[in-house]
Amino acid sequence: MNSSSQNPTRPALHPDDADEYASWFRCLADGTRLLVLNAVATADRAMTVGEIVDRVGVGQSTVSHHLRVLAEERFVHMQADGTRTLVTVNADCLQALPEAAARIMGFDPA
């Protein structure tokens, strides 16, 4: 069997899933965005944008931009709280990302 043959015991990746996963990985392909996501994901509570700015060490407009991109891909949840915005990580990502990687590599995560 040559290496380009598909293994029938491994599920093929559906094109819609491939597009979705590519969008996720494009979102994560920025070092500052990963720092912002890490700050939110490792916090034991919701964080304000100002707290994220202080933790990551970049400007407020940069953090806000990256949070918007992360929220569009559903990596974080943002909720208005008066004059501030509270940010939490989407806990579903803790399961979805490893499953996506497994499916891309041809393993059934189930």
C-alpha atoms as a PDB file:
ATOM      1  CA  MET A   1       0.000   0.000   0.000  1.00  0.00           C
ATOM      2  CA  ASN A   2       1.498   3.377  -0.898  1.00  0.00           C
ATOM      3  CA  SER A   3       1.464   6.279   1.553  1.00  0.00           C
ATOM      4  CA  SER A   4      -1.148   8.211  -0.426  1.00  0.00           C
ATOM      5  CA  SER A   5      -3.793   5.486  -0.012  1.00  0.00           C
ATOM      6  CA  GLN A   6      -6.469   6.123   2.572  1.00  0.00           C
ATOM      7  CA  ASN A   7      -6.768   3.741   5.456  1.00  0.00           C
ATOM      8  CA  PRO A   8     -10.415   2.592   5.492  1.00  0.00           C
ATOM      9  CA  THR A   9     -10.348   2.222   9.296  1.00  0.00           C
ATOM     10  CA  ARG A  10      -9.578   5.924   9.747  1.00  0.00           C
ATOM     11  CA  PRO A  11     -12.423   8.334   9.092  1.00  0.00           C
ATOM     12  CA  ALA A  12     -11.955  10.844   6.284  1.00  0.00           C
ATOM     13  CA  LEU A  13     -12.101  14.507   7.204  1.00  0.00           C
ATOM     14  CA  HIS A  14     -15.195  16.169   5.768  1.00  0.00           C
ATOM     15  CA  PRO A  15     -14.484  19.330   3.714  1.00  0.00           C
ATOM     16  CA  ASP A  16     -16.793  21.415   5.939  1.00  0.00           C
ATOM     17  CA  ASP A  17     -14.846  20.315   9.011  1.00  0.00           C
ATOM     18  CA  ALA A  18     -11.556  21.045   7.246  1.00  0.00           C
ATOM     19  CA  ASP A  19     -12.726  24.589   6.528  1.00  0.00           C
ATOM     20  CA  GLU A  20     -13.859  25.084  10.133  1.00  0.00           C
ATOM     21  CA  TYR A  21     -10.593  23.775  11.572  1.00  0.00           C
ATOM     22  CA  ALA A  22      -8.549  25.896   9.154  1.00  0.00           C
ATOM     23  CA  SER A  23     -10.417  28.948  10.413  1.00  0.00           C
ATOM     24  CA  TRP A  24      -9.593  28.015  14.015  1.00  0.00           C
ATOM     25  CA  PHE A  25      -5.909  27.536  13.270  1.00  0.00           C
ATOM     26  CA  ARG A  26      -5.719  30.801  11.285  1.00  0.00           C
ATOM     27  CA  CYS A  27      -7.158  32.518  14.348  1.00  0.00           C
ATOM     28  CA  LEU A  28      -4.499  30.935  16.561  1.00  0.00           C
ATOM     29  CA  ALA A  29      -1.623  31.728  14.171  1.00  0.00           C
ATOM     30  CA  ASP A  30      -0.631  34.913  15.993  1.00  0.00           C
ATOM     31  CA  GLY A  31       1.688  34.999  18.992  1.00  0.00           C
ATOM     32  CA  THR A  32       0.023  37.967  20.687  1.00  0.00           C
ATOM     33  CA  ARG A  33      -3.396  36.399  20.212  1.00  0.00           C
ATOM     34  CA  LEU A  34      -2.115  33.217  21.866  1.00  0.00           C
ATOM     35  CA  LEU A  35      -0.822  35.268  24.804  1.00  0.00           C
ATOM     36  CA  VAL A  36      -4.235  36.916  25.152  1.00  0.00           C
ATOM     37  CA  LEU A  37      -6.006  33.556  24.978  1.00  0.00           C
ATOM     38  CA  ASN A  38      -3.582  32.054  27.487  1.00  0.00           C
ATOM     39  CA  ALA A  39      -4.170  34.930  29.913  1.00  0.00           C
ATOM     40  CA  VAL A  40      -7.920  34.350  29.776  1.00  0.00           C
ATOM     41  CA  ALA A  41      -7.705  30.539  29.788  1.00  0.00           C
ATOM     42  CA  THR A  42      -5.418  30.381  32.826  1.00  0.00           C
ATOM     43  CA  ALA A  43      -7.398  32.866  34.904  1.00  0.00           C
ATOM     44  CA  ASP A  44      -9.599  31.368  37.572  1.00  0.00           C
ATOM     45  CA  ARG A  45     -12.316  33.935  36.873  1.00  0.00           C
ATOM     46  CA  ALA A  46     -13.643  36.332  34.269  1.00  0.00           C
ATOM     47  CA  MET A  47     -11.115  39.022  33.383  1.00  0.00           C
ATOM     48  CA  THR A  48     -11.609  42.598  32.311  1.00  0.00           C
ATOM     49  CA  VAL A  49      -9.900  43.882  29.196  1.00  0.00           C
ATOM     50  CA  GLY A  50      -7.737  46.086  31.429  1.00  0.00           C
ATOM     51  CA  GLU A  51      -6.546  43.068  33.406  1.00  0.00           C
ATOM     52  CA  ILE A  52      -5.653  41.278  30.178  1.00  0.00           C
ATOM     53  CA  VAL A  53      -3.746  44.370  28.979  1.00  0.00           C
ATOM     54  CA  ASP A  54      -1.743  44.388  32.221  1.00  0.00           C
ATOM     55  CA  ARG A  55      -1.043  40.663  32.066  1.00  0.00           C
ATOM     56  CA  VAL A  56      -0.041  40.537  28.394  1.00  0.00           C
ATOM     57  CA  GLY A  57       1.790  43.867  28.282  1.00  0.00           C
ATOM     58  CA  VAL A  58       0.397  45.237  25.024  1.00  0.00           C
ATOM     59  CA  GLY A  59      -1.939  48.140  24.397  1.00  0.00           C
ATOM     60  CA  GLN A  60      -5.658  48.146  25.004  1.00  0.00           C
ATOM     61  CA  SER A  61      -6.555  48.544  21.330  1.00  0.00           C
ATOM     62  CA  THR A  62      -4.343  45.569  20.418  1.00  0.00           C
ATOM     63  CA  VAL A  63      -5.886  43.388  23.119  1.00  0.00           C
ATOM     64  CA  SER A  64      -9.397  44.462  22.095  1.00  0.00           C
ATOM     65  CA  HIS A  65      -8.682  43.592  18.462  1.00  0.00           C
ATOM     66  CA  HIS A  66      -7.371  40.134  19.368  1.00  0.00           C
ATOM     67  CA  LEU A  67     -10.311  39.510  21.707  1.00  0.00           C
ATOM     68  CA  ARG A  68     -12.745  40.342  18.898  1.00  0.00           C
ATOM     69  CA  VAL A  69     -11.005  37.842  16.611  1.00  0.00           C
ATOM     70  CA  LEU A  70     -10.999  35.190  19.345  1.00  0.00           C
ATOM     71  CA  ALA A  71     -14.682  35.851  20.081  1.00  0.00           C
ATOM     72  CA  GLU A  72     -15.593  35.529  16.384  1.00  0.00           C
ATOM     73  CA  GLU A  73     -14.085  32.026  16.403  1.00  0.00           C
ATOM     74  CA  ARG A  74     -15.755  31.317  19.761  1.00  0.00           C
ATOM     75  CA  PHE A  75     -12.534  30.811  21.722  1.00  0.00           C
ATOM     76  CA  VAL A  76     -13.673  33.376  24.279  1.00  0.00           C
ATOM     77  CA  HIS A  77     -16.963  34.777  25.530  1.00  0.00           C
ATOM     78  CA  MET A  78     -17.277  38.521  26.064  1.00  0.00           C
ATOM     79  CA  GLN A  79     -20.022  40.009  28.211  1.00  0.00           C
ATOM     80  CA  ALA A  80     -20.717  43.677  28.841  1.00  0.00           C
ATOM     81  CA  ASP A  81     -20.811  44.543  32.545  1.00  0.00           C
ATOM     82  CA  GLY A  82     -21.613  48.216  32.911  1.00  0.00           C
ATOM     83  CA  THR A  83     -18.698  50.161  31.435  1.00  0.00           C
ATOM     84  CA  ARG A  84     -16.370  47.167  31.277  1.00  0.00           C
ATOM     85  CA  THR A  85     -16.252  43.911  29.367  1.00  0.00           C
ATOM     86  CA  LEU A  86     -15.754  40.583  31.123  1.00  0.00           C
ATOM     87  CA  VAL A  87     -13.929  37.885  29.188  1.00  0.00           C
ATOM     88  CA  THR A  88     -13.961  34.134  29.827  1.00  0.00           C
ATOM     89  CA  VAL A  89     -12.563  31.223  27.872  1.00  0.00           C
ATOM     90  CA  ASN A  90     -14.982  28.966  26.021  1.00  0.00           C
ATOM     91  CA  ALA A  91     -14.524  25.732  27.956  1.00  0.00           C
ATOM     92  CA  ASP A  92     -15.785  23.728  24.966  1.00  0.00           C
ATOM     93  CA  CYS A  93     -12.453  24.530  23.285  1.00  0.00           C
ATOM     94  CA  LEU A  94     -10.668  22.301  25.795  1.00  0.00           C
ATOM     95  CA  GLN A  95     -12.364  19.353  24.121  1.00  0.00           C
ATOM     96  CA  ALA A  96     -12.871  20.644  20.574  1.00  0.00           C
ATOM     97  CA  LEU A  97      -9.250  21.541  19.776  1.00  0.00           C
ATOM     98  CA  PRO A  98      -7.741  18.170  20.684  1.00  0.00           C
ATOM     99  CA  GLU A  99     -10.580  16.434  18.830  1.00  0.00           C
ATOM    100  CA  ALA A 100      -9.912  18.584  15.759  1.00  0.00           C
ATOM    101  CA  ALA A 101      -6.208  17.717  15.835  1.00  0.00           C
ATOM    102  CA  ALA A 102      -7.014  14.021  16.184  1.00  0.00           C
ATOM    103  CA  ARG A 103      -9.448  14.116  13.265  1.00  0.00           C
ATOM    104  CA  ILE A 104      -6.987  16.006  11.077  1.00  0.00           C
ATOM    105  CA  MET A 105      -4.372  13.343  11.786  1.00  0.00           C
ATOM    106  CA  GLY A 106      -6.856  10.573  10.970  1.00  0.00           C
ATOM    107  CA  PHE A 107      -7.715   9.364  14.435  1.00  0.00           C
ATOM    108  CA  ASP A 108     -11.268   8.944  15.650  1.00  0.00           C
ATOM    109  CA  PRO A 109     -11.480  10.915  18.929  1.00  0.00           C
ATOM    110  CA  ALA A 110     -14.586   9.007  20.021  1.00  0.00           C
END
